[in-house]
Amino acid sequence: MDFSKLNLEFSNMQKIVSNYNEILNKINCKIKNNLKLISKYKSKTNGIKNEIEKDINNLHITILKEEIDFLNELIKEEIQNEKNV
Protein backbone atom coordinates (compact mmCIF):
# COMPACT_ATOMS: atom_id res chain seq x y z
CA MET A 1 0.00 0.00 0.00
CA ASP A 2 1.34 3.41 -0.98
CA PHE A 3 0.75 5.83 1.89
CA SER A 4 2.37 8.77 0.15
CA LYS A 5 -0.51 8.95 -2.34
CA LEU A 6 -3.00 8.60 0.49
CA ASN A 7 -1.31 11.41 2.41
CA LEU A 8 -1.32 13.60 -0.68
CA GLU A 9 -5.04 13.01 -1.26
CA PHE A 10 -5.81 13.70 2.37
CA SER A 11 -3.80 16.92 2.20
CA ASN A 12 -5.73 17.99 -0.90
CA MET A 13 -9.01 17.27 0.85
CA GLN A 14 -7.95 19.36 3.82
CA LYS A 15 -7.09 22.27 1.53
CA ILE A 16 -10.46 22.05 -0.20
CA VAL A 17 -12.33 21.99 3.12
CA SER A 18 -10.22 24.86 4.42
CA ASN A 19 -10.94 26.95 1.30
CA TYR A 20 -14.63 26.13 1.53
CA ASN A 21 -14.78 27.24 5.17
CA GLU A 22 -12.88 30.41 4.34
CA ILE A 23 -15.36 31.26 1.58
CA LEU A 24 -18.31 30.63 3.90
CA ASN A 25 -16.75 32.89 6.53
CA LYS A 26 -16.26 35.65 3.96
CA ILE A 27 -19.88 35.33 2.85
CA ASN A 28 -21.10 35.52 6.44
CA CYS A 29 -18.91 38.57 7.10
CA LYS A 30 -20.29 40.25 3.98
CA ILE A 31 -23.84 39.59 5.16
CA LYS A 32 -22.99 41.02 8.59
CA ASN A 33 -21.42 44.14 7.04
CA ASN A 34 -24.43 44.62 4.76
CA LEU A 35 -26.77 44.45 7.75
CA LYS A 36 -24.71 47.17 9.46
CA LEU A 37 -24.86 49.33 6.34
CA ILE A 38 -28.63 48.85 6.10
CA SER A 39 -29.00 50.01 9.68
CA LYS A 40 -26.77 53.00 8.96
CA TYR A 41 -28.73 54.00 5.86
CA LYS A 42 -32.08 53.60 7.65
CA SER A 43 -31.03 55.87 10.50
CA LYS A 44 -29.54 58.35 8.01
CA THR A 45 -32.76 58.34 5.96
CA ASN A 46 -34.84 59.33 8.98
CA GLY A 47 -32.95 62.64 9.32
CA ILE A 48 -33.01 63.58 5.64
CA LYS A 49 -35.65 65.99 4.32
CA ASN A 50 -34.60 65.95 0.67
CA GLU A 51 -36.71 63.37 -1.20
CA ILE A 52 -33.99 62.56 -3.73
CA GLU A 53 -31.49 61.74 -1.00
CA LYS A 54 -34.13 59.59 0.73
CA ASP A 55 -34.76 57.71 -2.50
CA ILE A 56 -31.02 57.16 -3.00
CA ASN A 57 -30.67 55.80 0.53
CA ASN A 58 -33.70 53.55 0.02
CA LEU A 59 -32.11 52.31 -3.21
CA HIS A 60 -28.92 51.48 -1.31
CA ILE A 61 -30.96 49.61 1.29
CA THR A 62 -32.82 47.65 -1.39
CA ILE A 63 -29.59 46.71 -3.17
CA LEU A 64 -27.99 45.54 0.09
CA LYS A 65 -31.07 43.47 0.97
CA GLU A 66 -31.00 41.83 -2.46
CA GLU A 67 -27.32 41.03 -2.03
CA ILE A 68 -28.02 39.48 1.37
CA ASP A 69 -30.79 37.36 -0.14
CA PHE A 70 -28.47 36.21 -2.91
CA LEU A 71 -25.69 35.28 -0.48
CA ASN A 72 -28.15 33.41 1.75
CA GLU A 73 -29.34 31.45 -1.27
CA LEU A 74 -25.75 30.50 -2.07
CA ILE A 75 -25.28 29.21 1.45
CA LYS A 76 -28.54 27.25 1.32
CA GLU A 77 -27.57 25.66 -1.99
CA GLU A 78 -24.20 24.61 -0.61
CA ILE A 79 -25.79 23.12 2.49
CA GLN A 80 -28.20 21.20 0.31
CA ASN A 81 -25.32 20.00 -1.90
CA GLU A 82 -23.48 18.78 1.20
CA LYS A 83 -26.51 16.75 2.25
CA ASN A 84 -26.76 15.15 -1.20
CA VAL A 85 -23.13 14.06 -1.21
C-alpha atoms as a PDB file:
ATOM      1  CA  MET A   1       0.000   0.000   0.000  1.00  0.00           C
ATOM      2  CA  ASP A   2       1.337   3.415  -0.978  1.00  0.00           C
ATOM      3  CA  PHE A   3       0.754   5.827   1.890  1.00  0.00           C
ATOM      4  CA  SER A   4       2.373   8.769   0.150  1.00  0.00           C
ATOM      5  CA  LYS A   5      -0.511   8.947  -2.337  1.00  0.00           C
ATOM      6  CA  LEU A   6      -3.000   8.603   0.489  1.00  0.00           C
ATOM      7  CA  ASN A   7      -1.310  11.412   2.415  1.00  0.00           C
ATOM      8  CA  LEU A   8      -1.325  13.595  -0.683  1.00  0.00           C
ATOM      9  CA  GLU A   9      -5.039  13.009  -1.263  1.00  0.00           C
ATOM     10  CA  PHE A  10      -5.806  13.701   2.370  1.00  0.00           C
ATOM     11  CA  SER A  11      -3.803  16.922   2.202  1.00  0.00           C
ATOM     12  CA  ASN A  12      -5.735  17.988  -0.897  1.00  0.00           C
ATOM     13  CA  MET A  13      -9.015  17.268   0.850  1.00  0.00           C
ATOM     14  CA  GLN A  14      -7.954  19.358   3.823  1.00  0.00           C
ATOM     15  CA  LYS A  15      -7.087  22.269   1.529  1.00  0.00           C
ATOM     16  CA  ILE A  16     -10.460  22.049  -0.197  1.00  0.00           C
ATOM     17  CA  VAL A  17     -12.327  21.993   3.118  1.00  0.00           C
ATOM     18  CA  SER A  18     -10.217  24.858   4.418  1.00  0.00           C
ATOM     19  CA  ASN A  19     -10.937  26.953   1.297  1.00  0.00           C
ATOM     20  CA  TYR A  20     -14.629  26.128   1.531  1.00  0.00           C
ATOM     21  CA  ASN A  21     -14.779  27.236   5.167  1.00  0.00           C
ATOM     22  CA  GLU A  22     -12.884  30.410   4.336  1.00  0.00           C
ATOM     23  CA  ILE A  23     -15.357  31.257   1.580  1.00  0.00           C
ATOM     24  CA  LEU A  24     -18.305  30.630   3.903  1.00  0.00           C
ATOM     25  CA  ASN A  25     -16.748  32.886   6.531  1.00  0.00           C
ATOM     26  CA  LYS A  26     -16.259  35.646   3.961  1.00  0.00           C
ATOM     27  CA  ILE A  27     -19.883  35.332   2.846  1.00  0.00           C
ATOM     28  CA  ASN A  28     -21.103  35.517   6.435  1.00  0.00           C
ATOM     29  CA  CYS A  29     -18.910  38.571   7.100  1.00  0.00           C
ATOM     30  CA  LYS A  30     -20.286  40.251   3.984  1.00  0.00           C
ATOM     31  CA  ILE A  31     -23.843  39.590   5.161  1.00  0.00           C
ATOM     32  CA  LYS A  32     -22.992  41.017   8.587  1.00  0.00           C
ATOM     33  CA  ASN A  33     -21.421  44.140   7.042  1.00  0.00           C
ATOM     34  CA  ASN A  34     -24.430  44.624   4.756  1.00  0.00           C
ATOM     35  CA  LEU A  35     -26.768  44.455   7.748  1.00  0.00           C
ATOM     36  CA  LYS A  36     -24.706  47.166   9.464  1.00  0.00           C
ATOM     37  CA  LEU A  37     -24.861  49.332   6.343  1.00  0.00           C
ATOM     38  CA  ILE A  38     -28.626  48.849   6.095  1.00  0.00           C
ATOM     39  CA  SER A  39     -29.003  50.015   9.684  1.00  0.00           C
ATOM     40  CA  LYS A  40     -26.767  53.003   8.955  1.00  0.00           C
ATOM     41  CA  TYR A  41     -28.731  54.002   5.857  1.00  0.00           C
ATOM     42  CA  LYS A  42     -32.083  53.598   7.649  1.00  0.00           C
ATOM     43  CA  SER A  43     -31.029  55.874  10.497  1.00  0.00           C
ATOM     44  CA  LYS A  44     -29.542  58.345   8.007  1.00  0.00           C
ATOM     45  CA  THR A  45     -32.763  58.338   5.964  1.00  0.00           C
ATOM     46  CA  ASN A  46     -34.843  59.330   8.983  1.00  0.00           C
ATOM     47  CA  GLY A  47     -32.952  62.635   9.317  1.00  0.00           C
ATOM     48  CA  ILE A  48     -33.014  63.584   5.639  1.00  0.00           C
ATOM     49  CA  LYS A  49     -35.651  65.988   4.322  1.00  0.00           C
ATOM     50  CA  ASN A  50     -34.602  65.947   0.669  1.00  0.00           C
ATOM     51  CA  GLU A  51     -36.708  63.370  -1.200  1.00  0.00           C
ATOM     52  CA  ILE A  52     -33.993  62.565  -3.734  1.00  0.00           C
ATOM     53  CA  GLU A  53     -31.493  61.738  -1.002  1.00  0.00           C
ATOM     54  CA  LYS A  54     -34.131  59.595   0.729  1.00  0.00           C
ATOM     55  CA  ASP A  55     -34.757  57.714  -2.501  1.00  0.00           C
ATOM     56  CA  ILE A  56     -31.024  57.158  -2.997  1.00  0.00           C
ATOM     57  CA  ASN A  57     -30.671  55.795   0.533  1.00  0.00           C
ATOM     58  CA  ASN A  58     -33.698  53.554   0.019  1.00  0.00           C
ATOM     59  CA  LEU A  59     -32.111  52.311  -3.205  1.00  0.00           C
ATOM     60  CA  HIS A  60     -28.920  51.484  -1.314  1.00  0.00           C
ATOM     61  CA  ILE A  61     -30.963  49.608   1.287  1.00  0.00           C
ATOM     62  CA  THR A  62     -32.817  47.654  -1.394  1.00  0.00           C
ATOM     63  CA  ILE A  63     -29.586  46.709  -3.166  1.00  0.00           C
ATOM     64  CA  LEU A  64     -27.992  45.542   0.088  1.00  0.00           C
ATOM     65  CA  LYS A  65     -31.066  43.467   0.966  1.00  0.00           C
ATOM     66  CA  GLU A  66     -30.996  41.826  -2.462  1.00  0.00           C
ATOM     67  CA  GLU A  67     -27.319  41.030  -2.035  1.00  0.00           C
ATOM     68  CA  ILE A  68     -28.016  39.476   1.371  1.00  0.00           C
ATOM     69  CA  ASP A  69     -30.791  37.359  -0.143  1.00  0.00           C
ATOM     70  CA  PHE A  70     -28.468  36.207  -2.910  1.00  0.00           C
ATOM     71  CA  LEU A  71     -25.694  35.281  -0.477  1.00  0.00           C
ATOM     72  CA  ASN A  72     -28.146  33.407   1.751  1.00  0.00           C
ATOM     73  CA  GLU A  73     -29.341  31.447  -1.272  1.00  0.00           C
ATOM     74  CA  LEU A  74     -25.746  30.503  -2.074  1.00  0.00           C
ATOM     75  CA  ILE A  75     -25.280  29.210   1.450  1.00  0.00           C
ATOM     76  CA  LYS A  76     -28.545  27.254   1.321  1.00  0.00           C
ATOM     77  CA  GLU A  77     -27.571  25.660  -1.987  1.00  0.00           C
ATOM     78  CA  GLU A  78     -24.200  24.614  -0.609  1.00  0.00           C
ATOM     79  CA  ILE A  79     -25.786  23.121   2.494  1.00  0.00           C
ATOM     80  CA  GLN A  80     -28.201  21.203   0.312  1.00  0.00           C
ATOM     81  CA  ASN A  81     -25.325  20.003  -1.897  1.00  0.00           C
ATOM     82  CA  GLU A  82     -23.485  18.781   1.196  1.00  0.00           C
ATOM     83  CA  LYS A  83     -26.512  16.751   2.249  1.00  0.00           C
ATOM     84  CA  ASN A  84     -26.762  15.154  -1.195  1.00  0.00           C
ATOM     85  CA  VAL A  85     -23.126  14.057  -1.214  1.00  0.00           C
END
